[in-house]
Protein backbone atom coordinates (compact mmCIF):
# COMPACT_ATOMS: atom_id res chain seq x y z
CA MET A 1 -79.49 12.12 43.22
CA LYS A 2 -76.31 12.95 45.12
CA THR A 3 -73.55 10.40 45.60
CA THR A 4 -72.54 9.45 49.13
CA PRO A 5 -68.96 9.16 50.38
CA GLU A 6 -69.51 5.39 50.66
CA HIS A 7 -70.67 5.21 47.04
CA ASP A 8 -67.68 7.26 45.87
CA GLU A 9 -65.30 5.03 47.86
CA ARG A 10 -66.84 1.87 46.40
CA ILE A 11 -66.39 3.15 42.84
CA ALA A 12 -62.81 4.31 43.52
CA LYS A 13 -61.75 0.94 44.94
CA MET A 14 -63.52 -1.17 42.30
CA SER A 15 -61.10 -2.96 40.00
CA PHE A 16 -61.27 -1.84 36.38
CA ALA A 17 -60.37 -5.41 35.36
CA SER A 18 -63.52 -6.70 37.11
CA VAL A 19 -65.80 -4.34 35.16
CA TYR A 20 -64.08 -4.49 31.77
CA PRO A 21 -65.51 -7.93 30.77
CA HIS A 22 -69.00 -6.56 31.45
CA TYR A 23 -68.32 -3.65 29.10
CA ILE A 24 -67.29 -6.12 26.38
CA THR A 25 -70.35 -8.30 26.95
CA LYS A 26 -72.67 -5.29 26.90
CA VAL A 27 -71.39 -3.84 23.63
CA GLU A 28 -70.95 -7.18 21.83
CA SER A 29 -74.45 -8.33 22.78
CA LYS A 30 -75.73 -5.25 20.97
CA GLY A 31 -73.68 -5.85 17.81
CA ARG A 32 -70.76 -3.53 18.57
CA THR A 33 -67.12 -4.64 18.76
CA LYS A 34 -64.31 -4.80 21.29
CA LYS A 35 -62.35 -2.60 18.87
CA GLU A 36 -65.08 0.07 19.10
CA LEU A 37 -65.08 -0.24 22.90
CA HIS A 38 -61.31 0.31 22.92
CA GLN A 39 -61.75 3.33 20.64
CA VAL A 40 -64.18 4.86 23.14
CA ILE A 41 -61.90 4.09 26.11
CA GLU A 42 -58.89 5.54 24.29
CA TRP A 43 -60.83 8.71 23.42
CA LEU A 44 -61.76 9.25 27.07
CA THR A 45 -58.50 8.18 28.76
CA GLY A 46 -55.72 8.25 26.17
CA PHE A 47 -54.95 4.57 26.86
CA ASP A 48 -54.10 2.56 23.74
CA ASP A 49 -54.65 -1.23 23.57
CA LYS A 50 -51.22 -2.01 25.03
CA LYS A 51 -51.61 0.36 28.00
CA LEU A 52 -55.18 -0.83 28.61
CA LYS A 53 -54.02 -4.45 28.73
CA ALA A 54 -51.24 -3.53 31.18
CA LEU A 55 -53.74 -1.77 33.48
CA ILE A 56 -56.07 -4.78 33.35
CA ASP A 57 -53.20 -7.17 34.08
CA GLU A 58 -52.13 -4.95 36.97
CA LYS A 59 -55.74 -5.03 38.28
CA VAL A 60 -55.78 -1.30 39.02
CA ASN A 61 -58.82 0.21 40.70
CA PHE A 62 -60.81 3.04 39.10
CA GLU A 63 -59.05 5.64 41.22
CA THR A 64 -55.63 4.60 39.87
CA PHE A 65 -57.05 4.05 36.37
CA PHE A 66 -58.27 7.64 36.14
CA LYS A 67 -55.23 9.13 37.92
CA ARG A 68 -53.08 7.66 35.13
CA ALA A 69 -55.47 8.74 32.39
CA LYS A 70 -55.10 11.86 30.31
CA LEU A 71 -58.79 12.74 30.22
CA ASN A 72 -60.08 14.04 26.91
CA PRO A 73 -60.62 17.82 27.05
CA ASN A 74 -64.15 17.27 25.67
CA ALA A 75 -65.12 14.81 28.41
CA HIS A 76 -67.17 17.56 30.07
CA LEU A 77 -69.54 17.30 27.09
CA ILE A 78 -70.66 13.87 28.36
CA THR A 79 -73.94 14.61 30.10
CA GLY A 80 -77.13 12.88 31.07
CA VAL A 81 -78.25 10.29 33.57
CA ILE A 82 -76.45 7.01 34.19
CA CYS A 83 -77.24 4.58 37.00
CA GLY A 84 -79.69 7.12 38.44
CA TYR A 85 -77.11 9.92 38.70
CA ARG A 86 -76.97 13.07 36.58
CA ILE A 87 -73.33 13.15 35.46
CA GLU A 88 -73.08 16.94 35.51
CA GLU A 89 -74.02 16.99 39.21
CA ILE A 90 -71.47 14.41 40.43
CA GLU A 91 -68.86 16.20 42.53
CA ASN A 92 -66.33 13.43 43.20
CA PRO A 93 -63.86 13.41 40.25
CA THR A 94 -63.26 9.63 40.21
CA THR A 95 -66.98 8.84 40.38
CA LYS A 96 -67.69 11.40 37.64
CA GLN A 97 -64.99 9.92 35.37
CA ALA A 98 -66.24 6.37 35.97
CA ARG A 99 -69.76 7.53 35.04
CA TYR A 100 -68.36 9.21 31.91
CA LEU A 101 -67.03 5.81 30.88
CA ASP A 102 -70.30 4.07 31.79
CA LYS A 103 -72.22 6.60 29.68
CA LEU A 104 -69.94 6.13 26.66
CA VAL A 105 -70.24 2.34 26.89
CA ASP A 106 -74.02 2.71 27.20
CA GLU A 107 -74.18 4.95 24.11
CA LEU A 108 -72.03 2.50 22.16
CA ALA A 109 -74.29 -0.41 23.15
CA LYS A 110 -77.39 1.59 22.17
CA GLY A 111 -76.05 1.96 18.63
CA ARG A 112 -75.20 5.66 18.74
CA LYS A 113 -72.91 6.84 15.93
CA MET A 114 -69.22 6.93 16.88
CA GLU A 115 -68.89 10.63 15.93
CA LYS A 116 -71.62 11.45 18.44
CA ILE A 117 -70.16 9.22 21.17
CA LEU A 118 -66.74 10.82 20.74
CA ARG A 119 -68.28 14.30 20.94
CA ALA A 120 -66.82 15.31 17.57
CA ALA A 121 -67.21 19.02 16.97
């Protein structure tokens, strides 16, 4: 399925702070921790706990969130389908990066081993 410009715009303008509590709920309801969630986010974006809190407090949207991120060089190894979209086929960079994060959170919630989630070589 191909993303539409409207879909890409909606993702870009969505506040990271509005989605973050859902990430926490999702992973904690499956027995994972906020610390593990932060580890996954830091691996993908380079944001430590302090920087993540500042971005949440600032209520940045996903577009700004990912513009400020230093994306992990192995992020391209995140593949598969999330929310009905094949990640490898998403053309819009912000949408693709947001789906990378969704996929990592999903894998964490499903109990996947951290080494696998973090695409350790």
